[in-house]
């Protein structure tokens, strides 16, 4: 891992964090129990290009910045932890490894089923004072819908955009 300060990397990650905030706060369907959106995509791109730690920190920063700038409720650190872990998972599956469909599917399944369905549902049960099991049916439907969407979008964006972007930025 390159330890030197890299301005280009910092600018690219910052731009992707800004896109994540916009996609999450303004281009999502939000209910008290479920958020359906595309904020995962910039983080998956950071994870593929710069690794798990960069993606985890970027998503946590995006969560904090989004809450500070466009608050839709009170800050809850559990969701920031979820964001950090999501970046870590995408990076663990996709950084410096072939971007194969099984890897992308593995990353998405881990994020959607373990982190979003498991942890986020737990955080919501704490915040809403409702039982974990009572929240599960709606959250399971969301996960079932988002798994193929996230898988396809990450795979297509990798092949169509990120590879070209990486080639251009290295020129």
N, C-alpha and C. Protein backbone atom coordinates (compact mmCIF):
# COMPACT_ATOMS: atom_id res chain seq x y z
N UNK A 1 0.84 -1.17 0.00
CA UNK A 1 0.00 0.00 0.00
C UNK A 1 0.89 1.24 0.00
N UNK A 2 0.55 2.18 -0.85
CA UNK A 2 1.32 3.41 -0.98
C UNK A 2 0.94 4.36 0.14
N UNK A 3 1.91 4.72 0.99
CA UNK A 3 1.63 5.54 2.16
C UNK A 3 1.74 7.04 1.88
N UNK A 4 2.27 7.43 0.73
CA UNK A 4 2.46 8.85 0.46
C UNK A 4 1.13 9.55 0.21
N UNK A 5 1.12 10.85 0.44
CA UNK A 5 -0.08 11.65 0.23
C UNK A 5 -0.31 11.79 -1.27
N UNK A 6 -1.49 11.45 -1.71
CA UNK A 6 -1.82 11.48 -3.13
C UNK A 6 -3.03 12.39 -3.35
N UNK A 7 -2.77 13.58 -3.90
CA UNK A 7 -3.82 14.58 -4.09
C UNK A 7 -4.88 14.07 -5.06
N UNK A 8 -4.48 13.41 -6.14
CA UNK A 8 -5.45 12.92 -7.11
C UNK A 8 -6.40 11.90 -6.47
N UNK A 9 -5.86 11.01 -5.67
CA UNK A 9 -6.68 10.02 -4.97
C UNK A 9 -7.65 10.72 -4.02
N UNK A 10 -7.16 11.71 -3.29
CA UNK A 10 -8.00 12.45 -2.35
C UNK A 10 -9.14 13.16 -3.08
N UNK A 11 -8.86 13.77 -4.21
CA UNK A 11 -9.89 14.47 -4.99
C UNK A 11 -10.91 13.48 -5.54
N UNK A 12 -10.45 12.35 -6.07
CA UNK A 12 -11.37 11.36 -6.61
C UNK A 12 -12.28 10.80 -5.52
N UNK A 13 -11.72 10.47 -4.37
CA UNK A 13 -12.52 9.95 -3.26
C UNK A 13 -13.50 11.01 -2.77
N UNK A 14 -13.05 12.25 -2.68
CA UNK A 14 -13.93 13.34 -2.24
C UNK A 14 -15.10 13.53 -3.18
N UNK A 15 -14.84 13.47 -4.47
CA UNK A 15 -15.91 13.60 -5.46
C UNK A 15 -16.91 12.44 -5.31
N UNK A 16 -16.41 11.24 -5.11
CA UNK A 16 -17.29 10.08 -4.95
C UNK A 16 -18.09 10.15 -3.64
N UNK A 17 -17.49 10.72 -2.59
CA UNK A 17 -18.24 10.93 -1.34
C UNK A 17 -19.38 11.92 -1.59
N UNK A 18 -19.10 13.00 -2.33
CA UNK A 18 -20.14 13.98 -2.64
C UNK A 18 -21.27 13.33 -3.44
N UNK A 19 -20.92 12.49 -4.39
CA UNK A 19 -21.94 11.77 -5.17
C UNK A 19 -22.74 10.84 -4.27
N UNK A 20 -22.06 10.17 -3.34
CA UNK A 20 -22.76 9.28 -2.40
C UNK A 20 -23.77 10.06 -1.59
N UNK A 21 -23.38 11.22 -1.07
CA UNK A 21 -24.29 12.04 -0.26
C UNK A 21 -25.51 12.45 -1.09
N UNK A 22 -25.29 12.88 -2.31
CA UNK A 22 -26.39 13.29 -3.19
C UNK A 22 -27.31 12.12 -3.49
N UNK A 23 -26.73 10.98 -3.86
CA UNK A 23 -27.55 9.80 -4.18
C UNK A 23 -28.35 9.32 -2.97
N UNK A 24 -27.72 9.35 -1.80
CA UNK A 24 -28.39 8.87 -0.60
C UNK A 24 -29.45 9.84 -0.10
N UNK A 25 -29.14 11.12 -0.08
CA UNK A 25 -30.06 12.10 0.53
C UNK A 25 -31.14 12.59 -0.41
N UNK A 26 -30.87 12.62 -1.73
CA UNK A 26 -31.81 13.23 -2.66
C UNK A 26 -32.37 12.28 -3.71
N UNK A 27 -31.73 11.17 -3.95
CA UNK A 27 -32.16 10.25 -5.01
C UNK A 27 -32.54 8.89 -4.44
N UNK A 28 -33.10 8.88 -3.25
CA UNK A 28 -33.49 7.64 -2.59
C UNK A 28 -34.96 7.70 -2.22
N UNK A 29 -35.55 6.53 -2.11
CA UNK A 29 -36.89 6.41 -1.58
C UNK A 29 -36.73 6.11 -0.09
N UNK A 30 -37.26 7.00 0.75
CA UNK A 30 -37.08 6.87 2.19
C UNK A 30 -38.40 6.66 2.90
N UNK A 31 -38.42 5.65 3.75
CA UNK A 31 -39.51 5.46 4.70
C UNK A 31 -38.85 5.31 6.07
N UNK A 32 -39.62 5.31 7.14
CA UNK A 32 -38.98 5.14 8.44
C UNK A 32 -38.24 3.80 8.58
N UNK A 33 -38.64 2.80 7.82
CA UNK A 33 -38.06 1.46 7.98
C UNK A 33 -37.07 1.11 6.86
N UNK A 34 -37.26 1.67 5.69
CA UNK A 34 -36.48 1.26 4.52
C UNK A 34 -36.00 2.48 3.73
N UNK A 35 -34.76 2.40 3.25
CA UNK A 35 -34.24 3.38 2.29
C UNK A 35 -33.77 2.59 1.07
N UNK A 36 -34.32 2.95 -0.08
CA UNK A 36 -33.90 2.31 -1.32
C UNK A 36 -33.23 3.38 -2.16
N UNK A 37 -31.96 3.15 -2.48
CA UNK A 37 -31.22 4.15 -3.22
C UNK A 37 -29.95 3.59 -3.83
N UNK A 38 -29.14 4.49 -4.33
CA UNK A 38 -27.94 4.09 -5.06
C UNK A 38 -26.65 4.64 -4.43
N UNK A 39 -26.72 5.02 -3.17
CA UNK A 39 -25.53 5.53 -2.48
C UNK A 39 -24.42 4.50 -2.34
N UNK A 40 -24.77 3.23 -2.51
CA UNK A 40 -23.77 2.16 -2.44
C UNK A 40 -22.76 2.24 -3.59
N UNK A 41 -23.18 2.77 -4.72
CA UNK A 41 -22.36 2.70 -5.93
C UNK A 41 -21.04 3.47 -5.82
N UNK A 42 -21.03 4.73 -5.41
CA UNK A 42 -19.73 5.42 -5.28
C UNK A 42 -18.81 4.72 -4.29
N UNK A 43 -19.38 4.12 -3.25
CA UNK A 43 -18.55 3.43 -2.26
C UNK A 43 -17.97 2.16 -2.85
N UNK A 44 -18.76 1.44 -3.63
CA UNK A 44 -18.24 0.24 -4.31
C UNK A 44 -17.10 0.63 -5.25
N UNK A 45 -17.23 1.76 -5.92
CA UNK A 45 -16.17 2.23 -6.82
C UNK A 45 -14.90 2.56 -6.03
N UNK A 46 -15.06 3.28 -4.91
CA UNK A 46 -13.89 3.57 -4.06
C UNK A 46 -13.26 2.27 -3.59
N UNK A 47 -14.07 1.31 -3.20
CA UNK A 47 -13.55 0.03 -2.72
C UNK A 47 -12.76 -0.68 -3.80
N UNK A 48 -13.27 -0.68 -5.03
CA UNK A 48 -12.58 -1.35 -6.13
C UNK A 48 -11.28 -0.66 -6.49
N UNK A 49 -11.27 0.67 -6.41
CA UNK A 49 -10.09 1.43 -6.83
C UNK A 49 -9.05 1.61 -5.73
N UNK A 50 -9.51 1.79 -4.48
CA UNK A 50 -8.59 2.20 -3.41
C UNK A 50 -8.58 1.31 -2.18
N UNK A 51 -9.44 0.32 -2.12
CA UNK A 51 -9.36 -0.65 -1.04
C UNK A 51 -10.38 -0.49 0.07
N UNK A 52 -10.38 -1.48 0.97
CA UNK A 52 -11.39 -1.53 2.03
C UNK A 52 -11.34 -0.35 3.00
N UNK A 53 -10.17 0.01 3.47
CA UNK A 53 -10.08 1.07 4.47
C UNK A 53 -10.52 2.42 3.88
N UNK A 54 -10.08 2.72 2.67
CA UNK A 54 -10.50 3.97 2.02
C UNK A 54 -12.01 3.99 1.84
N UNK A 55 -12.58 2.88 1.40
CA UNK A 55 -14.03 2.82 1.18
C UNK A 55 -14.79 2.92 2.50
N UNK A 56 -14.31 2.25 3.53
CA UNK A 56 -14.97 2.31 4.83
C UNK A 56 -14.96 3.71 5.41
N UNK A 57 -13.81 4.35 5.37
CA UNK A 57 -13.70 5.71 5.89
C UNK A 57 -14.54 6.66 5.05
N UNK A 58 -14.50 6.50 3.73
CA UNK A 58 -15.28 7.37 2.84
C UNK A 58 -16.78 7.25 3.12
N UNK A 59 -17.27 6.04 3.30
CA UNK A 59 -18.71 5.86 3.54
C UNK A 59 -19.10 6.42 4.91
N UNK A 60 -18.24 6.22 5.91
CA UNK A 60 -18.52 6.78 7.24
C UNK A 60 -18.54 8.31 7.17
N UNK A 61 -17.57 8.89 6.47
CA UNK A 61 -17.54 10.35 6.31
C UNK A 61 -18.77 10.84 5.54
N UNK A 62 -19.15 10.11 4.49
CA UNK A 62 -20.34 10.46 3.73
C UNK A 62 -21.59 10.43 4.60
N UNK A 63 -21.68 9.44 5.48
CA UNK A 63 -22.82 9.33 6.38
C UNK A 63 -22.86 10.53 7.33
N UNK A 64 -21.72 10.86 7.91
CA UNK A 64 -21.65 11.98 8.85
C UNK A 64 -21.92 13.30 8.14
N UNK A 65 -21.29 13.52 6.99
CA UNK A 65 -21.52 14.76 6.23
C UNK A 65 -22.97 14.89 5.79
N UNK A 66 -23.53 13.81 5.29
CA UNK A 66 -24.92 13.83 4.86
C UNK A 66 -25.86 14.17 6.01
N UNK A 67 -25.58 13.62 7.17
CA UNK A 67 -26.41 13.91 8.34
C UNK A 67 -26.23 15.36 8.78
N UNK A 68 -25.01 15.86 8.76
CA UNK A 68 -24.77 17.25 9.18
C UNK A 68 -25.38 18.25 8.21
N UNK A 69 -25.28 17.99 6.93
CA UNK A 69 -25.74 18.95 5.92
C UNK A 69 -27.22 18.83 5.62
N UNK A 70 -27.74 17.62 5.61
CA UNK A 70 -29.12 17.38 5.18
C UNK A 70 -29.82 16.44 6.16
N UNK A 71 -29.88 16.83 7.39
CA UNK A 71 -30.41 15.99 8.45
C UNK A 71 -31.86 15.61 8.20
N UNK A 72 -32.14 14.35 8.37
CA UNK A 72 -33.52 13.88 8.28
C UNK A 72 -33.94 13.22 9.60
N UNK A 73 -33.20 13.54 10.64
CA UNK A 73 -33.45 12.96 11.95
C UNK A 73 -32.22 13.17 12.81
N UNK A 74 -32.15 12.48 13.92
CA UNK A 74 -30.99 12.63 14.78
C UNK A 74 -29.88 11.67 14.34
N UNK A 75 -28.66 12.02 14.68
CA UNK A 75 -27.51 11.20 14.34
C UNK A 75 -27.50 9.95 15.20
N UNK A 76 -27.25 8.81 14.57
CA UNK A 76 -27.13 7.55 15.29
C UNK A 76 -25.84 6.87 14.81
N UNK A 77 -24.87 6.68 15.69
CA UNK A 77 -23.57 6.14 15.28
C UNK A 77 -23.62 4.72 14.73
N UNK A 78 -24.66 3.97 15.03
CA UNK A 78 -24.79 2.62 14.49
C UNK A 78 -24.81 2.61 12.97
N UNK A 79 -25.51 3.58 12.38
CA UNK A 79 -25.57 3.64 10.92
C UNK A 79 -24.22 4.04 10.32
N UNK A 80 -23.45 4.84 11.05
CA UNK A 80 -22.10 5.18 10.59
C UNK A 80 -21.21 3.94 10.63
N UNK A 81 -21.35 3.13 11.67
CA UNK A 81 -20.62 1.86 11.73
C UNK A 81 -21.02 0.96 10.57
N UNK A 82 -22.31 0.89 10.28
CA UNK A 82 -22.79 0.10 9.15
C UNK A 82 -22.16 0.58 7.84
N UNK A 83 -22.11 1.90 7.67
CA UNK A 83 -21.50 2.47 6.46
C UNK A 83 -20.03 2.07 6.37
N UNK A 84 -19.30 2.21 7.47
CA UNK A 84 -17.88 1.83 7.49
C UNK A 84 -17.70 0.36 7.12
N UNK A 85 -18.49 -0.51 7.73
CA UNK A 85 -18.38 -1.95 7.46
C UNK A 85 -18.75 -2.29 6.02
N UNK A 86 -19.70 -1.56 5.45
CA UNK A 86 -20.08 -1.78 4.05
C UNK A 86 -18.89 -1.51 3.13
N UNK A 87 -18.19 -0.41 3.34
CA UNK A 87 -17.00 -0.11 2.54
C UNK A 87 -15.93 -1.17 2.71
N UNK A 88 -15.75 -1.63 3.93
CA UNK A 88 -14.76 -2.68 4.22
C UNK A 88 -15.11 -3.95 3.45
N UNK A 89 -16.37 -4.35 3.47
CA UNK A 89 -16.80 -5.58 2.79
C UNK A 89 -16.60 -5.46 1.28
N UNK A 90 -17.06 -4.35 0.69
CA UNK A 90 -16.86 -4.19 -0.75
C UNK A 90 -15.37 -4.25 -1.10
N UNK A 91 -14.54 -3.60 -0.32
CA UNK A 91 -13.10 -3.62 -0.58
C UNK A 91 -12.49 -5.00 -0.40
N UNK A 92 -12.92 -5.73 0.63
CA UNK A 92 -12.38 -7.07 0.87
C UNK A 92 -12.68 -8.01 -0.29
N UNK A 93 -13.86 -7.86 -0.89
CA UNK A 93 -14.24 -8.72 -2.01
C UNK A 93 -13.67 -8.25 -3.35
N UNK A 94 -13.52 -6.93 -3.54
CA UNK A 94 -13.30 -6.42 -4.89
C UNK A 94 -11.99 -5.67 -5.13
N UNK A 95 -11.23 -5.35 -4.09
CA UNK A 95 -10.00 -4.58 -4.28
C UNK A 95 -8.84 -5.49 -4.68
N UNK A 96 -8.15 -5.12 -5.75
CA UNK A 96 -6.99 -5.87 -6.26
C UNK A 96 -7.31 -7.33 -6.55
N UNK A 97 -8.54 -7.58 -6.93
CA UNK A 97 -8.97 -8.94 -7.28
C UNK A 97 -9.77 -8.85 -8.57
N UNK A 98 -9.86 -9.92 -9.31
CA UNK A 98 -10.69 -9.89 -10.52
C UNK A 98 -12.14 -9.58 -10.14
N UNK A 99 -12.75 -8.68 -10.92
CA UNK A 99 -14.14 -8.31 -10.66
C UNK A 99 -15.05 -9.30 -11.38
N UNK A 100 -15.14 -10.50 -10.81
CA UNK A 100 -15.97 -11.55 -11.41
C UNK A 100 -17.37 -11.46 -10.81
N UNK A 101 -18.34 -12.04 -11.52
CA UNK A 101 -19.70 -12.04 -11.01
C UNK A 101 -19.80 -12.72 -9.65
N UNK A 102 -19.13 -13.86 -9.41
CA UNK A 102 -19.21 -14.46 -8.08
C UNK A 102 -18.68 -13.54 -6.97
N UNK A 103 -17.62 -12.78 -7.24
CA UNK A 103 -17.10 -11.85 -6.24
C UNK A 103 -18.08 -10.71 -5.98
N UNK A 104 -18.64 -10.17 -7.05
CA UNK A 104 -19.61 -9.08 -6.91
C UNK A 104 -20.84 -9.58 -6.16
N UNK A 105 -21.32 -10.75 -6.52
CA UNK A 105 -22.49 -11.33 -5.84
C UNK A 105 -22.17 -11.58 -4.36
N UNK A 106 -20.99 -12.09 -4.07
CA UNK A 106 -20.59 -12.32 -2.68
C UNK A 106 -20.56 -11.03 -1.87
N UNK A 107 -20.01 -9.98 -2.46
CA UNK A 107 -19.96 -8.68 -1.77
C UNK A 107 -21.37 -8.16 -1.51
N UNK A 108 -22.22 -8.20 -2.53
CA UNK A 108 -23.58 -7.68 -2.39
C UNK A 108 -24.38 -8.51 -1.39
N UNK A 109 -24.27 -9.83 -1.45
CA UNK A 109 -24.99 -10.68 -0.49
C UNK A 109 -24.56 -10.39 0.94
N UNK A 110 -23.26 -10.24 1.15
CA UNK A 110 -22.76 -9.95 2.49
C UNK A 110 -23.28 -8.61 2.98
N UNK A 111 -23.21 -7.59 2.12
CA UNK A 111 -23.69 -6.26 2.51
C UNK A 111 -25.20 -6.28 2.75
N UNK A 112 -25.95 -6.82 1.81
CA UNK A 112 -27.42 -6.78 1.91
C UNK A 112 -27.96 -7.65 3.03
N UNK A 113 -27.43 -8.85 3.18
CA UNK A 113 -28.00 -9.78 4.16
C UNK A 113 -27.42 -9.64 5.56
N UNK A 114 -26.12 -9.48 5.65
CA UNK A 114 -25.50 -9.41 6.98
C UNK A 114 -25.55 -7.98 7.53
N UNK A 115 -25.08 -7.03 6.73
CA UNK A 115 -24.96 -5.66 7.24
C UNK A 115 -26.30 -4.92 7.20
N UNK A 116 -26.92 -4.84 6.01
CA UNK A 116 -28.18 -4.08 5.92
C UNK A 116 -29.34 -4.77 6.63
N UNK A 117 -29.55 -6.03 6.33
CA UNK A 117 -30.67 -6.74 6.94
C UNK A 117 -30.40 -7.02 8.42
N UNK A 118 -29.20 -7.43 8.75
CA UNK A 118 -28.87 -7.76 10.13
C UNK A 118 -28.65 -6.54 11.01
N UNK A 119 -27.57 -5.82 10.74
CA UNK A 119 -27.20 -4.69 11.61
C UNK A 119 -28.19 -3.53 11.52
N UNK A 120 -28.52 -3.10 10.31
CA UNK A 120 -29.43 -1.95 10.19
C UNK A 120 -30.79 -2.23 10.82
N UNK A 121 -31.28 -3.44 10.69
CA UNK A 121 -32.56 -3.78 11.32
C UNK A 121 -32.43 -3.70 12.84
N UNK A 122 -31.29 -4.13 13.34
CA UNK A 122 -31.04 -4.02 14.79
C UNK A 122 -31.02 -2.56 15.22
N UNK A 123 -30.32 -1.71 14.47
CA UNK A 123 -30.27 -0.27 14.80
C UNK A 123 -31.68 0.32 14.77
N UNK A 124 -32.46 -0.03 13.77
CA UNK A 124 -33.83 0.48 13.66
C UNK A 124 -34.70 0.01 14.84
N UNK A 125 -34.49 -1.23 15.26
CA UNK A 125 -35.28 -1.73 16.41
C UNK A 125 -34.95 -0.93 17.67
N UNK A 126 -33.70 -0.53 17.82
CA UNK A 126 -33.30 0.30 18.96
C UNK A 126 -33.95 1.69 18.85
N UNK A 127 -33.82 2.30 17.68
CA UNK A 127 -34.33 3.66 17.49
C UNK A 127 -35.85 3.75 17.57
N UNK A 128 -36.53 2.77 17.00
CA UNK A 128 -37.99 2.83 16.92
C UNK A 128 -38.69 2.16 18.10
N UNK A 129 -37.93 1.42 18.89
CA UNK A 129 -38.53 0.73 20.01
C UNK A 129 -39.43 -0.42 19.58
N UNK A 130 -39.21 -0.92 18.38
CA UNK A 130 -40.00 -2.05 17.87
C UNK A 130 -39.14 -3.30 17.92
N UNK A 131 -39.79 -4.43 17.94
CA UNK A 131 -39.06 -5.69 17.95
C UNK A 131 -38.34 -5.93 16.63
N UNK A 132 -37.18 -6.55 16.74
CA UNK A 132 -36.37 -6.88 15.57
C UNK A 132 -37.17 -7.69 14.56
N UNK A 133 -37.86 -8.71 15.04
CA UNK A 133 -38.63 -9.61 14.17
C UNK A 133 -39.76 -8.86 13.47
N UNK A 134 -40.35 -7.89 14.15
CA UNK A 134 -41.44 -7.12 13.55
C UNK A 134 -40.97 -6.30 12.35
N UNK A 135 -39.73 -5.88 12.36
CA UNK A 135 -39.18 -5.07 11.27
C UNK A 135 -38.70 -5.92 10.09
N UNK A 136 -38.45 -7.19 10.34
CA UNK A 136 -37.83 -8.04 9.31
C UNK A 136 -38.61 -8.19 8.00
N UNK A 137 -39.91 -8.43 8.00
CA UNK A 137 -40.58 -8.68 6.72
C UNK A 137 -40.36 -7.59 5.67
N UNK A 138 -40.54 -6.33 6.06
CA UNK A 138 -40.33 -5.22 5.11
C UNK A 138 -38.88 -5.15 4.68
N UNK A 139 -37.97 -5.36 5.61
CA UNK A 139 -36.54 -5.26 5.32
C UNK A 139 -36.08 -6.43 4.45
N UNK A 140 -36.68 -7.60 4.60
CA UNK A 140 -36.36 -8.74 3.74
C UNK A 140 -36.78 -8.45 2.30
N UNK A 141 -37.95 -7.88 2.13
CA UNK A 141 -38.42 -7.52 0.78
C UNK A 141 -37.44 -6.54 0.13
N UNK A 142 -37.01 -5.54 0.89
CA UNK A 142 -36.04 -4.57 0.37
C UNK A 142 -34.75 -5.29 -0.06
N UNK A 143 -34.25 -6.18 0.75
CA UNK A 143 -33.01 -6.91 0.43
C UNK A 143 -33.17 -7.76 -0.82
N UNK A 144 -34.31 -8.45 -0.92
CA UNK A 144 -34.57 -9.29 -2.09
C UNK A 144 -34.60 -8.44 -3.37
N UNK A 145 -35.15 -7.24 -3.29
CA UNK A 145 -35.18 -6.34 -4.44
C UNK A 145 -33.80 -5.77 -4.77
N UNK A 146 -33.04 -5.42 -3.74
CA UNK A 146 -31.78 -4.71 -3.95
C UNK A 146 -30.62 -5.62 -4.34
N UNK A 147 -30.65 -6.88 -3.99
CA UNK A 147 -29.52 -7.76 -4.32
C UNK A 147 -29.28 -7.83 -5.83
N UNK A 148 -30.28 -8.14 -6.65
CA UNK A 148 -29.98 -8.16 -8.09
C UNK A 148 -29.68 -6.77 -8.66
N UNK A 149 -30.34 -5.75 -8.14
CA UNK A 149 -30.09 -4.38 -8.63
C UNK A 149 -28.65 -3.98 -8.35
N UNK A 150 -28.19 -4.15 -7.12
CA UNK A 150 -26.82 -3.77 -6.76
C UNK A 150 -25.80 -4.61 -7.53
N UNK A 151 -26.07 -5.90 -7.64
CA UNK A 151 -25.14 -6.78 -8.36
C UNK A 151 -24.96 -6.32 -9.80
N UNK A 152 -26.06 -6.11 -10.49
CA UNK A 152 -25.98 -5.70 -11.90
C UNK A 152 -25.34 -4.33 -12.06
N UNK A 153 -25.73 -3.38 -11.22
CA UNK A 153 -25.19 -2.02 -11.35
C UNK A 153 -23.69 -2.01 -11.09
N UNK A 154 -23.23 -2.68 -10.04
CA UNK A 154 -21.80 -2.71 -9.75
C UNK A 154 -21.04 -3.37 -10.89
N UNK A 155 -21.54 -4.49 -11.40
CA UNK A 155 -20.87 -5.19 -12.50
C UNK A 155 -20.81 -4.36 -13.76
N UNK A 156 -21.91 -3.71 -14.10
CA UNK A 156 -21.95 -2.90 -15.32
C UNK A 156 -21.08 -1.66 -15.18
N UNK A 157 -21.18 -0.98 -14.05
CA UNK A 157 -20.38 0.24 -13.84
C UNK A 157 -18.89 -0.10 -13.86
N UNK A 158 -18.51 -1.23 -13.28
CA UNK A 158 -17.10 -1.62 -13.30
C UNK A 158 -16.61 -1.76 -14.74
N UNK A 159 -17.37 -2.49 -15.54
CA UNK A 159 -16.94 -2.77 -16.91
C UNK A 159 -17.02 -1.54 -17.82
N UNK A 160 -18.03 -0.69 -17.63
CA UNK A 160 -18.26 0.41 -18.55
C UNK A 160 -17.62 1.73 -18.13
N UNK A 161 -17.47 1.96 -16.82
CA UNK A 161 -17.03 3.27 -16.37
C UNK A 161 -15.68 3.22 -15.65
N UNK A 162 -15.58 2.40 -14.62
CA UNK A 162 -14.40 2.44 -13.76
C UNK A 162 -13.14 2.04 -14.51
N UNK A 163 -13.21 1.04 -15.36
CA UNK A 163 -12.04 0.62 -16.12
C UNK A 163 -11.57 1.77 -17.01
N UNK A 164 -12.50 2.44 -17.69
CA UNK A 164 -12.14 3.58 -18.54
C UNK A 164 -11.60 4.72 -17.70
N UNK A 165 -12.23 5.03 -16.58
CA UNK A 165 -11.80 6.10 -15.70
C UNK A 165 -10.39 5.84 -15.19
N UNK A 166 -10.11 4.61 -14.80
CA UNK A 166 -8.79 4.24 -14.32
C UNK A 166 -7.75 4.39 -15.41
N UNK A 167 -8.09 3.97 -16.63
CA UNK A 167 -7.16 4.10 -17.74
C UNK A 167 -6.88 5.56 -18.08
N UNK A 168 -7.91 6.40 -18.02
CA UNK A 168 -7.74 7.82 -18.32
C UNK A 168 -6.89 8.48 -17.24
N UNK A 169 -7.14 8.16 -15.98
CA UNK A 169 -6.41 8.82 -14.89
C UNK A 169 -4.95 8.38 -14.82
N UNK A 170 -4.61 7.25 -15.41
CA UNK A 170 -3.22 6.81 -15.42
C UNK A 170 -2.46 7.34 -16.64
N UNK A 171 -3.18 7.93 -17.57
CA UNK A 171 -2.53 8.42 -18.80
C UNK A 171 -1.76 9.69 -18.54
